[in-house]
């Protein structure tokens, strides 16, 4: 079972604080990326591949990697999006939000598509919006997102499950808190936001954190976005059992990695490069239409095992079964989102998550849900998990629970409602989703 023990928490803190501090005088280039993360204190040079890039005139993203094991892919990515008072000098902030991505897409792909896409202004992204409004934004790349497409032996992924992701999340949050302390923003707890699978991992992390003394806990509020860990809908539970059985069957055949991300990459790339050409993946569709299927008809690709009725990433328009356009997000933004996917994801992680929903196999990371007492803001999309994500919040011990569901259409028109990724890609997401999140964070 994943338990963030007192010893582990203390070692994390002590280890982070004990990183070798190198004075600015020993690193004459004060604008070097390694120095910039700590605004002149290069303690985090022990981490690798530290980079800085400007997102707007006064907001920058810092990215680096942290080794979490001895294997070649036992590495996580950590991101910080923060307002600066000068290049390489992060502004001091009172509030911090840590973002955990879901299936297929890493931090940048999930939350910073605008910075990767020519179709959107760079500031049309939740992390930039929050940073511009004085919030210090952090995020993780779970270790499986860093496995290259060229890899063919996935034995190392055999036991990469939800509990490992929850441990990695805890390490990344600890690194964020220490970095905030070293850059003048204090060692306070953070608000955690988990989207999709990241929301389930967030529940697993908080489940483990309940077993720590309050002074060693890291999260002060939780925002699960369009996800559930438990359901009281029999049909959805049955579908979770089918997904779990499928993932376990793959593991039984020594197939430890799902390669669905490679399909998303190929479809998105083709839709951008040759929109009117015939799709090699979906016969009878053009590349553009196939790319739209991923967004507007995601349920079609899930072959009857979708986690919610007519589940989709982006609300769209149709002629028969063929998507013809999008209602809330820009097509090019969707295609860039698809093309930025990570190639592989552990089947063990998928099986673990569905086991928690199915409940025929006991998992340890849901044993203490009733002991989670931090304030909760559930955010859902009418065409995603929507109202089905509320039930999990009723199983918690939290007394401060709020729900925000962007549900624009009646149930019979769910196919065209706000989608799972519209929450971050839609042209009006700032007013419908991000501002309410910011208001809630400020109030808590």
Foldseek 3Di string as FASTA:
>chain_A
DQACDPVNLVCLLVVLVPQDWDALVVVVPCLDQQNLLLNGTNSVPVWPDWDWDDLDPFKIKIKTKDADDDDPLNIKMKMKIAGAPDRSQGDAAQAEEEEEEAPFFFDCLQFQLQSVFPVHRRCLTLNNVLRVVRYIYMYMGQSLLPDAPPDDQCLVLLQVALSVSLVVVVSNLSSVLVSSVSSPHHNAAHEYEYAELRLVSVLLNLLNQLPYDPVSDRHQEYEYEQYALAFPDVVLLVLLVVLLVVLVVCVVVVNFKDQVLVVLQVLLVQCVPPVQPADPVDGPHGSLQSLVCQALQVVVVVPPSANDPSAGAFFFDDDVPTTDGGDFFHSNSSSSSSSNTRRIDTSNHSNQSSCSHNVPDDDDSNPRQQSRARAYEYEHWLRGSFPRRVVSVVSYVHPHYHYQYQRDDDPVSSSRTGHSSSCTGGPCNCPRPSVVVSVVSVVD
